[in-house]
């Protein structure tokens, strides 16, 4: 999903993600959640709405952020909108960076997906265009094959590290599947 958003012409994004990833955590998370629930069939996806106050994070009072949680993992495709955050995508059982936020609410998928008319139409059009872009065959260059191998090795290494640290195999397998589905070549696992 992150790759599809990054590669999409701005007019395909329906005004929802014009400055992606900046100020796009809610629509980005909604699009990813829709994909996870309807295409990947991931159960129990929930939105986490959180905020943090004061320095060193911001001088203007507070910052808000939204990300997903599913299968015991934090899933955040817009974390890099904040200067201190790298990598761009987080798929991990825990994150020191996310712990700097105070959770305001955990919202079930169905509740977060209730949208007003003009927004819901733009959202549906954008979602369909992104899914088509994700499903379109892509030419496999030598570089893409190397990236695919690196991605598989990263996911396998992540599974092994998590197995050694006592994280259940199902969570590690879910995380590896998420990495592949997100088109992520690296991960954050603190």
N, C-alpha and C. Protein backbone atom coordinates (compact mmCIF):
# COMPACT_ATOMS: atom_id res chain seq x y z
N UNK A 1 0.84 -1.19 0.00
CA UNK A 1 0.00 0.00 0.00
C UNK A 1 0.88 1.26 0.00
N UNK A 2 1.92 1.28 0.84
CA UNK A 2 2.80 2.45 0.91
C UNK A 2 3.44 2.71 -0.46
N UNK A 3 3.91 1.66 -1.10
CA UNK A 3 4.54 1.82 -2.42
C UNK A 3 3.52 2.33 -3.44
N UNK A 4 2.31 1.79 -3.41
CA UNK A 4 1.27 2.22 -4.36
C UNK A 4 0.93 3.69 -4.16
N UNK A 5 0.86 4.13 -2.91
CA UNK A 5 0.58 5.54 -2.64
C UNK A 5 1.72 6.41 -3.16
N UNK A 6 2.95 5.99 -2.88
CA UNK A 6 4.11 6.76 -3.31
C UNK A 6 4.25 6.87 -4.82
N UNK A 7 3.82 5.84 -5.53
CA UNK A 7 3.97 5.83 -6.99
C UNK A 7 2.75 6.39 -7.72
N UNK A 8 1.64 6.61 -7.02
CA UNK A 8 0.41 7.05 -7.67
C UNK A 8 0.50 8.52 -8.08
N UNK A 9 -0.03 8.85 -9.26
CA UNK A 9 -0.13 10.27 -9.62
C UNK A 9 -1.04 10.96 -8.60
N UNK A 10 -0.74 12.19 -8.27
CA UNK A 10 -1.50 12.92 -7.25
C UNK A 10 -2.99 12.91 -7.56
N UNK A 11 -3.38 13.03 -8.82
CA UNK A 11 -4.81 13.06 -9.15
C UNK A 11 -5.50 11.72 -8.87
N UNK A 12 -4.76 10.64 -8.68
CA UNK A 12 -5.36 9.35 -8.31
C UNK A 12 -5.66 9.27 -6.82
N UNK A 13 -5.15 10.19 -6.03
CA UNK A 13 -5.29 10.10 -4.58
C UNK A 13 -6.49 10.86 -4.04
N UNK A 14 -7.29 11.43 -4.90
CA UNK A 14 -8.57 12.01 -4.51
C UNK A 14 -8.50 13.12 -3.48
N UNK A 15 -7.36 13.78 -3.37
CA UNK A 15 -7.22 14.84 -2.38
C UNK A 15 -7.02 14.32 -0.96
N UNK A 16 -6.98 13.00 -0.79
CA UNK A 16 -6.84 12.42 0.55
C UNK A 16 -5.39 12.39 1.02
N UNK A 17 -4.45 12.27 0.09
CA UNK A 17 -3.06 12.02 0.44
C UNK A 17 -2.11 12.95 -0.30
N UNK A 18 -2.53 14.17 -0.55
CA UNK A 18 -1.75 15.08 -1.38
C UNK A 18 -0.35 15.37 -0.84
N UNK A 19 -0.18 15.36 0.47
CA UNK A 19 1.12 15.69 1.07
C UNK A 19 1.69 14.47 1.79
N UNK A 20 1.39 13.29 1.28
CA UNK A 20 1.77 12.03 1.93
C UNK A 20 3.28 11.98 2.17
N UNK A 21 3.72 11.55 3.34
CA UNK A 21 2.99 11.03 4.49
C UNK A 21 2.52 12.09 5.49
N UNK A 22 2.86 13.35 5.25
CA UNK A 22 2.51 14.42 6.19
C UNK A 22 1.01 14.64 6.26
N UNK A 23 0.50 14.69 7.47
CA UNK A 23 -0.92 14.94 7.73
C UNK A 23 -1.83 13.89 7.09
N UNK A 24 -1.33 12.69 6.90
CA UNK A 24 -2.09 11.64 6.22
C UNK A 24 -2.23 10.37 7.07
N UNK A 25 -1.99 10.45 8.36
CA UNK A 25 -2.03 9.22 9.15
C UNK A 25 -3.44 8.63 9.21
N UNK A 26 -4.46 9.47 9.30
CA UNK A 26 -5.82 8.92 9.35
C UNK A 26 -6.25 8.32 8.01
N UNK A 27 -6.21 9.07 6.89
CA UNK A 27 -6.63 8.45 5.63
C UNK A 27 -5.70 7.31 5.20
N UNK A 28 -4.40 7.44 5.46
CA UNK A 28 -3.47 6.35 5.12
C UNK A 28 -3.79 5.10 5.90
N UNK A 29 -4.10 5.26 7.19
CA UNK A 29 -4.46 4.10 8.02
C UNK A 29 -5.81 3.53 7.60
N UNK A 30 -6.75 4.40 7.23
CA UNK A 30 -8.05 3.90 6.75
C UNK A 30 -7.89 3.08 5.48
N UNK A 31 -7.08 3.57 4.55
CA UNK A 31 -6.87 2.83 3.30
C UNK A 31 -6.20 1.49 3.57
N UNK A 32 -5.17 1.50 4.40
CA UNK A 32 -4.49 0.25 4.72
C UNK A 32 -5.42 -0.71 5.47
N UNK A 33 -6.20 -0.19 6.40
CA UNK A 33 -7.14 -1.05 7.14
C UNK A 33 -8.15 -1.68 6.19
N UNK A 34 -8.68 -0.89 5.26
CA UNK A 34 -9.64 -1.44 4.29
C UNK A 34 -8.99 -2.58 3.51
N UNK A 35 -7.75 -2.38 3.09
CA UNK A 35 -7.03 -3.41 2.36
C UNK A 35 -6.83 -4.66 3.23
N UNK A 36 -6.36 -4.46 4.45
CA UNK A 36 -6.11 -5.60 5.33
C UNK A 36 -7.37 -6.41 5.61
N UNK A 37 -8.48 -5.72 5.84
CA UNK A 37 -9.73 -6.41 6.19
C UNK A 37 -10.40 -7.03 4.96
N UNK A 38 -10.47 -6.29 3.85
CA UNK A 38 -11.26 -6.77 2.71
C UNK A 38 -10.47 -7.61 1.72
N UNK A 39 -9.17 -7.36 1.58
CA UNK A 39 -8.37 -8.10 0.61
C UNK A 39 -7.52 -9.17 1.29
N UNK A 40 -6.78 -8.77 2.32
CA UNK A 40 -5.89 -9.71 3.00
C UNK A 40 -6.61 -10.55 4.07
N UNK A 41 -7.83 -10.17 4.39
CA UNK A 41 -8.66 -10.91 5.37
C UNK A 41 -8.02 -10.98 6.76
N UNK A 42 -7.42 -9.88 7.18
CA UNK A 42 -6.82 -9.81 8.51
C UNK A 42 -7.93 -9.44 9.50
N UNK A 43 -8.14 -10.25 10.54
CA UNK A 43 -9.20 -9.95 11.50
C UNK A 43 -8.75 -8.94 12.56
N UNK A 44 -9.72 -8.33 13.19
CA UNK A 44 -9.51 -7.50 14.38
C UNK A 44 -8.51 -6.36 14.19
N UNK A 45 -8.63 -5.67 13.09
CA UNK A 45 -7.82 -4.48 12.87
C UNK A 45 -8.45 -3.33 13.65
N UNK A 46 -7.63 -2.62 14.40
CA UNK A 46 -8.16 -1.46 15.11
C UNK A 46 -7.25 -0.26 14.91
N UNK A 47 -7.86 0.92 15.04
CA UNK A 47 -7.15 2.17 14.90
C UNK A 47 -6.75 2.64 16.29
N UNK A 48 -5.56 3.18 16.39
CA UNK A 48 -5.10 3.76 17.65
C UNK A 48 -4.95 5.26 17.40
N UNK A 49 -5.66 6.04 18.19
CA UNK A 49 -5.58 7.49 18.12
C UNK A 49 -4.82 7.95 19.36
N UNK A 50 -3.74 8.72 19.15
CA UNK A 50 -2.88 9.09 20.27
C UNK A 50 -2.36 10.51 20.09
N UNK A 51 -1.84 11.06 21.18
CA UNK A 51 -1.24 12.39 21.12
C UNK A 51 -0.10 12.47 22.11
N UNK A 52 0.77 13.43 21.87
CA UNK A 52 1.87 13.68 22.80
C UNK A 52 2.04 15.19 22.95
N UNK A 53 2.60 15.58 24.09
CA UNK A 53 2.65 16.99 24.45
C UNK A 53 4.08 17.48 24.58
N UNK A 54 4.30 18.72 24.21
CA UNK A 54 5.50 19.45 24.54
C UNK A 54 6.81 19.01 23.95
N UNK A 55 7.86 19.69 24.39
CA UNK A 55 9.22 19.42 23.94
C UNK A 55 9.65 18.05 24.46
N UNK A 56 10.52 17.36 23.78
CA UNK A 56 11.24 17.79 22.59
C UNK A 56 10.47 17.53 21.30
N UNK A 57 9.25 17.05 21.40
CA UNK A 57 8.51 16.63 20.21
C UNK A 57 7.92 17.79 19.43
N UNK A 58 7.42 18.77 20.13
CA UNK A 58 6.83 19.89 19.41
C UNK A 58 6.82 21.11 20.31
N UNK A 59 6.96 22.24 19.70
CA UNK A 59 6.95 23.50 20.45
C UNK A 59 5.53 24.08 20.50
N UNK A 60 4.64 23.59 19.65
CA UNK A 60 3.31 24.17 19.52
C UNK A 60 2.26 23.53 20.43
N UNK A 61 2.67 22.81 21.44
CA UNK A 61 1.69 22.25 22.36
C UNK A 61 1.57 20.75 22.30
N UNK A 62 0.99 20.21 21.23
CA UNK A 62 0.80 18.76 21.15
C UNK A 62 0.79 18.30 19.70
N UNK A 63 0.98 16.99 19.52
CA UNK A 63 0.90 16.35 18.21
C UNK A 63 -0.05 15.17 18.31
N UNK A 64 -0.81 14.94 17.26
CA UNK A 64 -1.70 13.78 17.20
C UNK A 64 -1.18 12.82 16.14
N UNK A 65 -1.49 11.55 16.32
CA UNK A 65 -1.08 10.53 15.34
C UNK A 65 -2.07 9.37 15.40
N UNK A 66 -2.22 8.69 14.28
CA UNK A 66 -3.08 7.52 14.17
C UNK A 66 -2.28 6.41 13.51
N UNK A 67 -2.42 5.18 14.03
CA UNK A 67 -1.81 4.01 13.41
C UNK A 67 -2.74 2.83 13.62
N UNK A 68 -2.37 1.69 13.07
CA UNK A 68 -3.19 0.48 13.21
C UNK A 68 -2.53 -0.50 14.17
N UNK A 69 -3.34 -1.36 14.74
CA UNK A 69 -2.85 -2.52 15.47
C UNK A 69 -3.67 -3.72 15.01
N UNK A 70 -2.97 -4.83 14.81
CA UNK A 70 -3.62 -6.09 14.43
C UNK A 70 -2.65 -7.22 14.73
N UNK A 71 -3.18 -8.32 15.22
CA UNK A 71 -2.34 -9.48 15.48
C UNK A 71 -1.20 -9.20 16.45
N UNK A 72 -1.40 -8.27 17.38
CA UNK A 72 -0.36 -7.95 18.34
C UNK A 72 0.75 -7.07 17.78
N UNK A 73 0.54 -6.48 16.60
CA UNK A 73 1.56 -5.66 15.95
C UNK A 73 1.10 -4.22 15.77
N UNK A 74 2.02 -3.30 15.89
CA UNK A 74 1.81 -1.91 15.50
C UNK A 74 2.09 -1.84 14.01
N UNK A 75 1.18 -1.22 13.26
CA UNK A 75 1.33 -1.09 11.80
C UNK A 75 1.15 0.38 11.46
N UNK A 76 2.21 1.02 11.03
CA UNK A 76 2.18 2.47 10.81
C UNK A 76 2.89 2.78 9.50
N UNK A 77 2.13 3.28 8.51
CA UNK A 77 2.73 3.59 7.21
C UNK A 77 3.02 5.08 7.05
N UNK A 78 2.79 5.87 8.10
CA UNK A 78 3.06 7.31 7.99
C UNK A 78 3.97 7.82 9.12
N UNK A 79 4.68 6.94 9.78
CA UNK A 79 5.53 7.36 10.90
C UNK A 79 6.60 8.36 10.47
N UNK A 80 7.05 8.27 9.23
CA UNK A 80 8.12 9.16 8.78
C UNK A 80 7.67 10.59 8.51
N UNK A 81 6.42 10.90 8.79
CA UNK A 81 6.02 12.30 8.70
C UNK A 81 6.65 13.11 9.83
N UNK A 82 7.15 12.43 10.84
CA UNK A 82 7.84 13.07 11.95
C UNK A 82 9.34 12.98 11.72
N UNK A 83 10.03 14.08 11.89
CA UNK A 83 11.46 14.17 11.56
C UNK A 83 12.31 13.14 12.29
N UNK A 84 11.96 12.83 13.53
CA UNK A 84 12.81 11.93 14.31
C UNK A 84 12.56 10.45 14.01
N UNK A 85 11.63 10.15 13.11
CA UNK A 85 11.27 8.75 12.89
C UNK A 85 11.84 8.19 11.60
N UNK A 86 12.45 7.03 11.72
CA UNK A 86 12.91 6.25 10.59
C UNK A 86 12.85 4.80 11.06
N UNK A 87 12.41 3.87 10.32
CA UNK A 87 12.09 3.86 8.90
C UNK A 87 10.70 4.43 8.61
N UNK A 88 10.36 4.46 7.33
CA UNK A 88 9.08 5.03 6.91
C UNK A 88 7.91 4.21 7.41
N UNK A 89 8.06 2.89 7.46
CA UNK A 89 6.97 1.98 7.84
C UNK A 89 7.40 1.21 9.07
N UNK A 90 6.47 1.10 10.02
CA UNK A 90 6.71 0.30 11.23
C UNK A 90 5.72 -0.85 11.24
N UNK A 91 6.24 -2.05 11.34
CA UNK A 91 5.43 -3.26 11.58
C UNK A 91 6.20 -4.01 12.66
N UNK A 92 5.74 -3.86 13.90
CA UNK A 92 6.51 -4.40 15.02
C UNK A 92 5.59 -4.65 16.22
N UNK A 93 5.97 -5.59 17.09
CA UNK A 93 5.17 -5.84 18.28
C UNK A 93 5.21 -4.69 19.28
N UNK A 94 6.28 -3.89 19.25
CA UNK A 94 6.37 -2.73 20.13
C UNK A 94 7.26 -1.70 19.45
N UNK A 95 7.15 -0.46 19.92
CA UNK A 95 7.93 0.62 19.34
C UNK A 95 8.15 1.69 20.40
N UNK A 96 9.39 1.94 20.73
CA UNK A 96 9.69 2.99 21.70
C UNK A 96 9.16 4.33 21.22
N UNK A 97 9.23 4.57 19.90
CA UNK A 97 8.74 5.83 19.37
C UNK A 97 7.24 5.96 19.58
N UNK A 98 6.46 4.92 19.30
CA UNK A 98 5.02 4.98 19.51
C UNK A 98 4.67 5.12 20.99
N UNK A 99 5.55 4.63 21.86
CA UNK A 99 5.33 4.76 23.30
C UNK A 99 5.45 6.21 23.78
N UNK A 100 5.99 7.11 22.94
CA UNK A 100 6.06 8.52 23.33
C UNK A 100 4.68 9.18 23.24
N UNK A 101 3.72 8.50 22.63
CA UNK A 101 2.36 9.02 22.51
C UNK A 101 1.48 8.44 23.60
N UNK A 102 0.52 9.24 24.06
CA UNK A 102 -0.48 8.77 25.02
C UNK A 102 -1.71 8.36 24.21
N UNK A 103 -2.08 7.09 24.33
CA UNK A 103 -3.22 6.58 23.57
C UNK A 103 -4.51 7.24 24.09
N UNK A 104 -5.25 7.82 23.18
CA UNK A 104 -6.53 8.45 23.52
C UNK A 104 -7.67 7.46 23.35
N UNK A 105 -7.59 6.65 22.28
CA UNK A 105 -8.65 5.67 22.05
C UNK A 105 -8.18 4.59 21.09
N UNK A 106 -8.81 3.44 21.22
CA UNK A 106 -8.65 2.33 20.28
C UNK A 106 -10.03 2.14 19.65
N UNK A 107 -10.06 2.29 18.35
CA UNK A 107 -11.35 2.33 17.65
C UNK A 107 -11.46 1.13 16.74
N UNK A 108 -12.54 0.35 16.87
CA UNK A 108 -12.72 -0.81 15.98
C UNK A 108 -12.85 -0.38 14.52
N UNK A 109 -12.47 -1.29 13.64
CA UNK A 109 -12.47 -1.03 12.20
C UNK A 109 -13.81 -0.45 11.73
N UNK A 110 -14.92 -1.09 12.07
CA UNK A 110 -16.23 -0.65 11.58
C UNK A 110 -16.55 0.78 11.95
N UNK A 111 -16.20 1.17 13.16
CA UNK A 111 -16.47 2.52 13.63
C UNK A 111 -15.60 3.55 12.90
N UNK A 112 -14.34 3.23 12.69
CA UNK A 112 -13.43 4.17 12.04
C UNK A 112 -13.75 4.33 10.55
N UNK A 113 -14.40 3.36 9.96
CA UNK A 113 -14.68 3.40 8.53
C UNK A 113 -16.00 4.09 8.21
N UNK A 114 -16.73 4.57 9.21
CA UNK A 114 -17.95 5.36 8.95
C UNK A 114 -17.52 6.73 8.45
N UNK A 115 -18.00 7.09 7.26
CA UNK A 115 -17.55 8.34 6.64
C UNK A 115 -18.74 9.11 6.07
N UNK A 116 -18.59 10.40 6.03
CA UNK A 116 -19.60 11.27 5.40
C UNK A 116 -19.51 11.13 3.89
N UNK A 117 -20.58 11.47 3.19
CA UNK A 117 -20.70 11.26 1.74
C UNK A 117 -19.55 11.74 0.87
N UNK A 118 -19.25 13.03 0.84
CA UNK A 118 -18.20 13.44 -0.11
C UNK A 118 -16.88 12.71 0.14
N UNK A 119 -16.52 12.56 1.41
CA UNK A 119 -15.27 11.88 1.75
C UNK A 119 -15.34 10.41 1.38
N UNK A 120 -16.47 9.76 1.65
CA UNK A 120 -16.57 8.32 1.38
C UNK A 120 -16.45 8.02 -0.12
N UNK A 121 -16.99 8.87 -0.96
CA UNK A 121 -16.86 8.65 -2.41
C UNK A 121 -15.41 8.78 -2.87
N UNK A 122 -14.75 9.83 -2.40
CA UNK A 122 -13.33 10.01 -2.76
C UNK A 122 -12.50 8.86 -2.22
N UNK A 123 -12.81 8.43 -1.00
CA UNK A 123 -12.08 7.32 -0.38
C UNK A 123 -12.23 6.06 -1.22
N UNK A 124 -13.44 5.72 -1.61
CA UNK A 124 -13.68 4.50 -2.40
C UNK A 124 -12.95 4.55 -3.74
N UNK A 125 -13.01 5.68 -4.42
CA UNK A 125 -12.29 5.82 -5.70
C UNK A 125 -10.79 5.66 -5.50
N UNK A 126 -10.27 6.30 -4.48
CA UNK A 126 -8.83 6.22 -4.20
C UNK A 126 -8.44 4.79 -3.85
N UNK A 127 -9.23 4.14 -3.01
CA UNK A 127 -8.94 2.77 -2.60
C UNK A 127 -8.89 1.84 -3.82
N UNK A 128 -9.87 1.94 -4.69
CA UNK A 128 -9.91 1.07 -5.88
C UNK A 128 -8.70 1.31 -6.78
N UNK A 129 -8.31 2.55 -6.96
CA UNK A 129 -7.13 2.86 -7.80
C UNK A 129 -5.86 2.29 -7.18
N UNK A 130 -5.73 2.40 -5.86
CA UNK A 130 -4.53 1.88 -5.20
C UNK A 130 -4.48 0.36 -5.25
N UNK A 131 -5.60 -0.30 -5.06
CA UNK A 131 -5.62 -1.77 -5.13
C UNK A 131 -5.28 -2.22 -6.54
N UNK A 132 -5.83 -1.56 -7.56
CA UNK A 132 -5.47 -1.90 -8.95
C UNK A 132 -3.98 -1.73 -9.17
N UNK A 133 -3.42 -0.65 -8.64
CA UNK A 133 -1.97 -0.41 -8.80
C UNK A 133 -1.17 -1.50 -8.08
N UNK A 134 -1.64 -1.94 -6.92
CA UNK A 134 -0.93 -2.98 -6.18
C UNK A 134 -1.00 -4.33 -6.88
N UNK A 135 -2.11 -4.58 -7.57
CA UNK A 135 -2.31 -5.87 -8.21
C UNK A 135 -1.76 -5.92 -9.63
N UNK A 136 -1.42 -4.77 -10.19
CA UNK A 136 -0.90 -4.73 -11.56
C UNK A 136 0.45 -5.43 -11.62
N UNK A 137 0.65 -6.24 -12.67
CA UNK A 137 1.95 -6.89 -12.80
C UNK A 137 3.04 -5.85 -13.01
N UNK A 138 4.15 -6.09 -12.37
CA UNK A 138 5.28 -5.18 -12.48
C UNK A 138 6.44 -5.93 -13.11
N UNK A 139 7.17 -5.29 -14.01
CA UNK A 139 8.33 -5.95 -14.60
C UNK A 139 9.36 -6.24 -13.51
N UNK A 140 9.96 -7.41 -13.58
CA UNK A 140 10.95 -7.83 -12.58
C UNK A 140 12.35 -7.59 -13.12
N UNK A 141 12.94 -6.50 -12.74
CA UNK A 141 14.32 -6.24 -13.14
C UNK A 141 15.25 -6.98 -12.18
N UNK A 142 16.52 -6.99 -12.49
CA UNK A 142 17.50 -7.60 -11.57
C UNK A 142 17.45 -6.90 -10.22
N UNK A 143 17.33 -5.59 -10.25
CA UNK A 143 17.27 -4.83 -9.00
C UNK A 143 16.04 -5.25 -8.18
N UNK A 144 14.87 -5.38 -8.82
CA UNK A 144 13.65 -5.77 -8.10
C UNK A 144 13.80 -7.17 -7.53
N UNK A 145 14.42 -8.09 -8.28
CA UNK A 145 14.63 -9.45 -7.75
C UNK A 145 15.51 -9.38 -6.52
N UNK A 146 16.56 -8.56 -6.57
CA UNK A 146 17.46 -8.42 -5.42
C UNK A 146 16.72 -7.83 -4.23
N UNK A 147 15.87 -6.84 -4.47
CA UNK A 147 15.08 -6.24 -3.39
C UNK A 147 14.12 -7.28 -2.81
N UNK A 148 13.50 -8.09 -3.68
CA UNK A 148 12.60 -9.15 -3.21
C UNK A 148 13.32 -10.16 -2.33
N UNK A 149 14.52 -10.54 -2.73
CA UNK A 149 15.31 -11.47 -1.93
C UNK A 149 15.67 -10.83 -0.61
N UNK A 150 16.10 -9.57 -0.64
CA UNK A 150 16.45 -8.87 0.60
C UNK A 150 15.24 -8.78 1.52
N UNK A 151 14.07 -8.52 0.95
CA UNK A 151 12.84 -8.44 1.74
C UNK A 151 12.54 -9.78 2.40
N UNK A 152 12.66 -10.85 1.65
CA UNK A 152 12.40 -12.19 2.20
C UNK A 152 13.40 -12.51 3.31
N UNK A 153 14.67 -12.14 3.10
CA UNK A 153 15.68 -12.39 4.14
C UNK A 153 15.40 -11.56 5.38
N UNK A 154 15.02 -10.29 5.22
CA UNK A 154 14.67 -9.47 6.36
C UNK A 154 13.51 -10.08 7.14
N UNK A 155 12.48 -10.51 6.42
CA UNK A 155 11.32 -11.11 7.08
C UNK A 155 11.71 -12.39 7.80
N UNK A 156 12.53 -13.22 7.18
CA UNK A 156 12.96 -14.47 7.82
C UNK A 156 13.80 -14.16 9.05
N UNK A 157 14.69 -13.18 8.94
CA UNK A 157 15.51 -12.79 10.09
C UNK A 157 14.66 -12.26 11.22
N UNK A 158 13.64 -11.49 10.87
CA UNK A 158 12.73 -10.95 11.88
C UNK A 158 12.01 -12.08 12.60
N UNK A 159 11.54 -13.07 11.83
CA UNK A 159 10.87 -14.22 12.44
C UNK A 159 11.81 -14.93 13.40
N UNK A 160 13.05 -15.15 13.00
CA UNK A 160 14.00 -15.84 13.86
C UNK A 160 14.29 -15.05 15.12
N UNK A 161 14.51 -13.73 14.99
CA UNK A 161 14.78 -12.92 16.18
C UNK A 161 13.59 -12.92 17.13
N UNK A 162 12.39 -12.84 16.58
CA UNK A 162 11.21 -12.82 17.43
C UNK A 162 10.98 -14.18 18.09
N UNK A 163 11.27 -15.25 17.38
CA UNK A 163 11.14 -16.58 17.97
C UNK A 163 12.12 -16.72 19.13
N UNK A 164 13.33 -16.20 18.96
CA UNK A 164 14.33 -16.27 20.02
C UNK A 164 13.94 -15.41 21.22
N UNK A 165 13.19 -14.33 20.98
CA UNK A 165 12.82 -13.45 22.09
C UNK A 165 11.49 -13.83 22.72
N UNK A 166 10.89 -14.91 22.28
CA UNK A 166 9.67 -15.40 22.90
C UNK A 166 8.38 -14.87 22.30
N UNK A 167 8.45 -14.12 21.21
CA UNK A 167 7.24 -13.66 20.55
C UNK A 167 6.61 -14.85 19.84
N UNK A 168 5.31 -15.08 20.02
CA UNK A 168 4.69 -16.25 19.41
C UNK A 168 4.92 -16.32 17.90
N UNK A 169 5.09 -17.54 17.41
CA UNK A 169 5.35 -17.74 15.98
C UNK A 169 4.24 -17.15 15.13
N UNK A 170 2.98 -17.21 15.60
CA UNK A 170 1.89 -16.67 14.80
C UNK A 170 2.05 -15.16 14.61
N UNK A 171 2.49 -14.44 15.65
CA UNK A 171 2.71 -13.00 15.51
C UNK A 171 3.87 -12.73 14.56
N UNK A 172 4.94 -13.54 14.66
CA UNK A 172 6.08 -13.36 13.77
C UNK A 172 5.69 -13.65 12.33
N UNK A 173 4.91 -14.72 12.11
CA UNK A 173 4.46 -15.05 10.76
C UNK A 173 3.55 -13.96 10.22
N UNK A 174 2.67 -13.44 11.08
CA UNK A 174 1.79 -12.36 10.67
C UNK A 174 2.61 -11.14 10.28
N UNK A 175 3.65 -10.83 11.08
CA UNK A 175 4.51 -9.69 10.79
C UNK A 175 5.23 -9.86 9.46
N UNK A 176 5.73 -11.06 9.20
CA UNK A 176 6.42 -11.32 7.94
C UNK A 176 5.46 -11.15 6.77
N UNK A 177 4.24 -11.64 6.92
CA UNK A 177 3.23 -11.49 5.86
C UNK A 177 2.90 -10.02 5.66
N UNK A 178 2.82 -9.26 6.75
CA UNK A 178 2.54 -7.83 6.65
C UNK A 178 3.65 -7.13 5.88
N UNK A 179 4.90 -7.47 6.18
CA UNK A 179 6.03 -6.86 5.48
C UNK A 179 5.93 -7.11 3.99
N UNK A 180 5.66 -8.36 3.62
CA UNK A 180 5.54 -8.67 2.20
C UNK A 180 4.37 -7.92 1.57
N UNK A 181 3.23 -7.88 2.25
CA UNK A 181 2.04 -7.20 1.73
C UNK A 181 2.22 -5.70 1.60
N UNK A 182 3.01 -5.12 2.49
CA UNK A 182 3.25 -3.69 2.44
C UNK A 182 4.35 -3.32 1.46
N UNK A 183 5.06 -4.32 0.96
CA UNK A 183 6.16 -4.06 0.05
C UNK A 183 7.34 -3.44 0.78
N UNK A 184 7.53 -3.83 2.04
CA UNK A 184 8.58 -3.26 2.87
C UNK A 184 9.84 -4.09 2.72
N UNK A 185 10.97 -3.42 2.55
CA UNK A 185 12.25 -4.10 2.43
C UNK A 185 13.02 -4.09 3.75
N UNK A 186 12.53 -3.36 4.72
CA UNK A 186 13.16 -3.32 6.04
C UNK A 186 12.06 -3.17 7.07
N UNK A 187 12.42 -3.24 8.34
CA UNK A 187 11.41 -3.17 9.38
C UNK A 187 12.00 -2.49 10.61
N UNK A 188 11.12 -2.15 11.52
CA UNK A 188 11.55 -1.64 12.82
C UNK A 188 11.07 -2.63 13.85
N UNK A 189 11.95 -3.17 14.61
CA UNK A 189 11.58 -4.09 15.67
C UNK A 189 12.45 -3.83 16.88
N UNK A 190 11.94 -3.01 17.81
CA UNK A 190 12.76 -2.65 18.97
C UNK A 190 12.57 -3.66 20.07
